[in-house]
Structure formats: C-alpha cells, structure tokens
Amino acid sequence: MTERAELLKKIDRLSPKYYGEVYDFVGYLQQRAQSEENDDIAAYQAMAADTEREQEAREWCNAYFGPAYAK
C-alpha cells in the first residue's frame, strides 16, 4: 500500500476531534514547502547572477566535455 493511502487510512481511524489538528498541521507543511521552494528559487537566482562563478562553470564544462555551441 502506498504511503498516501496508509496516511489516509490512519486519518480515517482518528477521532473527529483531532481533524482540526490534522488540518492545521497540513497547512503548516504546505507553508513550509512553499517557503523551501521560494528559498531554492532565490538561491538559484543568486547563483545565476554570479557571472564570475557562471564563467568558471562554463570554462570547467568546456574543458571537461568540450565546447557547446548554440545552434
């Protein structure tokens, strides 16, 4: 059985008085996932803006794999 199906079964077996807590926790996890995604995007944008590092990476790739030409 998949983890998702198992999780849903466990939630179904809970007393309804805990549904609010489960709902709140899922909301917390969604916010956390969104925050992590935003952090990753910001990190990639900062890395791409670092032209010196990008040039070094390009030179390393060209030396290792050969130059890539845009068509």
N, C-alpha and C. Protein backbone atom coordinates (compact mmCIF):
# COMPACT_ATOMS: atom_id res chain seq x y z
N MET A 1 0.85 -1.18 0.00
CA MET A 1 0.00 0.00 0.00
C MET A 1 0.90 1.24 0.00
N THR A 2 0.49 2.25 -0.73
CA THR A 2 1.29 3.46 -0.81
C THR A 2 1.22 4.23 0.51
N GLU A 3 2.22 5.06 0.73
CA GLU A 3 2.24 5.88 1.94
C GLU A 3 1.02 6.78 2.02
N ARG A 4 0.62 7.32 0.88
CA ARG A 4 -0.55 8.22 0.87
C ARG A 4 -1.80 7.49 1.30
N ALA A 5 -2.01 6.30 0.75
CA ALA A 5 -3.19 5.52 1.11
C ALA A 5 -3.16 5.14 2.59
N GLU A 6 -1.99 4.78 3.08
CA GLU A 6 -1.85 4.45 4.50
C GLU A 6 -2.14 5.66 5.38
N LEU A 7 -1.64 6.82 4.97
CA LEU A 7 -1.89 8.04 5.73
C LEU A 7 -3.38 8.35 5.79
N LEU A 8 -4.06 8.23 4.65
CA LEU A 8 -5.50 8.49 4.62
C LEU A 8 -6.26 7.51 5.52
N LYS A 9 -5.83 6.24 5.55
CA LYS A 9 -6.47 5.27 6.43
C LYS A 9 -6.28 5.65 7.89
N LYS A 10 -5.07 6.09 8.22
CA LYS A 10 -4.80 6.49 9.61
C LYS A 10 -5.64 7.70 10.00
N ILE A 11 -5.79 8.64 9.09
CA ILE A 11 -6.62 9.81 9.38
C ILE A 11 -8.07 9.38 9.56
N ASP A 12 -8.54 8.46 8.73
CA ASP A 12 -9.92 7.99 8.85
C ASP A 12 -10.18 7.29 10.19
N ARG A 13 -9.15 6.69 10.76
CA ARG A 13 -9.32 5.98 12.03
C ARG A 13 -9.23 6.92 13.24
N LEU A 14 -8.83 8.17 13.00
CA LEU A 14 -8.74 9.14 14.09
C LEU A 14 -10.13 9.56 14.57
N SER A 15 -10.17 9.94 15.80
CA SER A 15 -11.40 10.54 16.33
C SER A 15 -11.59 11.89 15.63
N PRO A 16 -12.82 12.23 15.27
CA PRO A 16 -13.07 13.51 14.61
C PRO A 16 -12.58 14.72 15.38
N LYS A 17 -12.42 14.58 16.69
CA LYS A 17 -11.96 15.73 17.48
C LYS A 17 -10.53 16.14 17.12
N TYR A 18 -9.79 15.27 16.42
CA TYR A 18 -8.41 15.59 16.02
C TYR A 18 -8.30 16.12 14.59
N TYR A 19 -9.38 16.15 13.85
CA TYR A 19 -9.35 16.60 12.46
C TYR A 19 -8.82 18.03 12.34
N GLY A 20 -9.19 18.88 13.25
CA GLY A 20 -8.72 20.27 13.22
C GLY A 20 -7.20 20.33 13.34
N GLU A 21 -6.64 19.50 14.20
CA GLU A 21 -5.18 19.48 14.37
C GLU A 21 -4.49 18.97 13.11
N VAL A 22 -5.08 17.93 12.51
CA VAL A 22 -4.52 17.39 11.27
C VAL A 22 -4.57 18.46 10.18
N TYR A 23 -5.70 19.14 10.09
CA TYR A 23 -5.87 20.20 9.09
C TYR A 23 -4.85 21.31 9.29
N ASP A 24 -4.67 21.73 10.55
CA ASP A 24 -3.70 22.79 10.84
C ASP A 24 -2.28 22.35 10.50
N PHE A 25 -1.96 21.08 10.80
CA PHE A 25 -0.61 20.58 10.52
C PHE A 25 -0.35 20.51 9.02
N VAL A 26 -1.35 20.09 8.26
CA VAL A 26 -1.20 20.06 6.81
C VAL A 26 -0.97 21.48 6.28
N GLY A 27 -1.68 22.45 6.82
CA GLY A 27 -1.47 23.85 6.43
C GLY A 27 -0.05 24.30 6.74
N TYR A 28 0.44 23.92 7.92
CA TYR A 28 1.82 24.24 8.29
C TYR A 28 2.82 23.62 7.30
N LEU A 29 2.60 22.35 6.94
CA LEU A 29 3.50 21.69 5.99
C LEU A 29 3.46 22.35 4.62
N GLN A 30 2.28 22.79 4.20
CA GLN A 30 2.17 23.48 2.92
C GLN A 30 2.95 24.79 2.94
N GLN A 31 2.85 25.54 4.03
CA GLN A 31 3.60 26.79 4.14
C GLN A 31 5.10 26.51 4.14
N ARG A 32 5.50 25.48 4.84
CA ARG A 32 6.92 25.12 4.90
C ARG A 32 7.44 24.73 3.52
N ALA A 33 6.67 23.94 2.79
CA ALA A 33 7.08 23.53 1.44
C ALA A 33 7.19 24.75 0.52
N GLN A 34 6.24 25.67 0.61
CA GLN A 34 6.28 26.88 -0.21
C GLN A 34 7.50 27.72 0.13
N SER A 35 7.78 27.84 1.42
CA SER A 35 8.94 28.62 1.87
C SER A 35 10.24 28.00 1.35
N GLU A 36 10.35 26.68 1.42
CA GLU A 36 11.55 26.00 0.92
C GLU A 36 11.69 26.20 -0.59
N GLU A 37 10.57 26.13 -1.30
CA GLU A 37 10.62 26.34 -2.75
C GLU A 37 11.08 27.77 -3.07
N ASN A 38 10.54 28.74 -2.33
CA ASN A 38 10.94 30.13 -2.54
C ASN A 38 12.43 30.32 -2.23
N ASP A 39 12.90 29.67 -1.18
CA ASP A 39 14.32 29.76 -0.83
C ASP A 39 15.19 29.16 -1.94
N ASP A 40 14.76 28.03 -2.50
CA ASP A 40 15.51 27.40 -3.59
C ASP A 40 15.56 28.30 -4.81
N ILE A 41 14.42 28.90 -5.15
CA ILE A 41 14.36 29.79 -6.31
C ILE A 41 15.29 30.97 -6.11
N ALA A 42 15.26 31.56 -4.92
CA ALA A 42 16.12 32.71 -4.63
C ALA A 42 17.60 32.31 -4.71
N ALA A 43 17.92 31.12 -4.23
CA ALA A 43 19.32 30.66 -4.28
C ALA A 43 19.77 30.46 -5.72
N TYR A 44 18.93 29.87 -6.55
CA TYR A 44 19.29 29.67 -7.96
C TYR A 44 19.42 31.01 -8.69
N GLN A 45 18.55 31.95 -8.36
CA GLN A 45 18.64 33.27 -9.00
C GLN A 45 19.94 33.97 -8.59
N ALA A 46 20.30 33.85 -7.33
CA ALA A 46 21.55 34.46 -6.86
C ALA A 46 22.75 33.79 -7.53
N MET A 47 22.70 32.48 -7.67
CA MET A 47 23.80 31.75 -8.29
C MET A 47 23.92 32.14 -9.77
N ALA A 48 22.81 32.27 -10.45
CA ALA A 48 22.83 32.63 -11.87
C ALA A 48 23.31 34.06 -12.06
N ALA A 49 23.07 34.92 -11.07
CA ALA A 49 23.50 36.32 -11.17
C ALA A 49 25.00 36.47 -10.91
N ASP A 50 25.63 35.44 -10.38
CA ASP A 50 27.07 35.48 -10.08
C ASP A 50 27.82 35.16 -11.38
N THR A 51 28.09 36.20 -12.17
CA THR A 51 28.66 36.00 -13.51
C THR A 51 30.06 35.38 -13.45
N GLU A 52 30.84 35.71 -12.43
CA GLU A 52 32.18 35.12 -12.33
C GLU A 52 32.08 33.61 -12.12
N ARG A 53 31.19 33.21 -11.24
CA ARG A 53 31.01 31.78 -10.99
C ARG A 53 30.46 31.07 -12.22
N GLU A 54 29.53 31.72 -12.91
CA GLU A 54 28.97 31.13 -14.14
C GLU A 54 30.07 30.96 -15.20
N GLN A 55 30.95 31.94 -15.33
CA GLN A 55 32.04 31.84 -16.29
C GLN A 55 32.98 30.70 -15.93
N GLU A 56 33.29 30.56 -14.64
CA GLU A 56 34.15 29.46 -14.19
C GLU A 56 33.50 28.11 -14.49
N ALA A 57 32.20 28.01 -14.24
CA ALA A 57 31.48 26.77 -14.51
C ALA A 57 31.48 26.46 -16.00
N ARG A 58 31.27 27.48 -16.83
CA ARG A 58 31.29 27.30 -18.28
C ARG A 58 32.66 26.82 -18.74
N GLU A 59 33.72 27.43 -18.21
CA GLU A 59 35.08 27.03 -18.58
C GLU A 59 35.37 25.60 -18.16
N TRP A 60 34.91 25.24 -16.97
CA TRP A 60 35.12 23.86 -16.49
C TRP A 60 34.38 22.87 -17.39
N CYS A 61 33.13 23.19 -17.71
CA CYS A 61 32.35 22.29 -18.58
C CYS A 61 32.98 22.17 -19.96
N ASN A 62 33.43 23.28 -20.51
CA ASN A 62 34.06 23.25 -21.83
C ASN A 62 35.34 22.42 -21.80
N ALA A 63 36.12 22.54 -20.74
CA ALA A 63 37.36 21.77 -20.63
C ALA A 63 37.06 20.28 -20.46
N TYR A 64 36.01 19.97 -19.74
CA TYR A 64 35.70 18.58 -19.44
C TYR A 64 34.94 17.90 -20.57
N PHE A 65 33.97 18.60 -21.15
CA PHE A 65 33.09 17.99 -22.16
C PHE A 65 33.32 18.52 -23.56
N GLY A 66 34.10 19.58 -23.68
CA GLY A 66 34.28 20.22 -24.98
C GLY A 66 33.29 21.36 -25.11
N PRO A 67 33.61 22.30 -25.96
CA PRO A 67 32.73 23.47 -26.09
C PRO A 67 31.36 23.09 -26.64
N ALA A 68 30.35 23.74 -26.12
CA ALA A 68 28.97 23.57 -26.61
C ALA A 68 28.62 24.79 -27.43
N TYR A 69 28.11 24.57 -28.59
CA TYR A 69 27.76 25.69 -29.48
C TYR A 69 26.25 25.75 -29.62
N ALA A 70 25.72 26.93 -29.49
CA ALA A 70 24.27 27.12 -29.69
C ALA A 70 23.96 27.04 -31.17
N LYS A 71 22.90 26.39 -31.51
CA LYS A 71 22.51 26.26 -32.92
C LYS A 71 21.37 27.17 -33.22
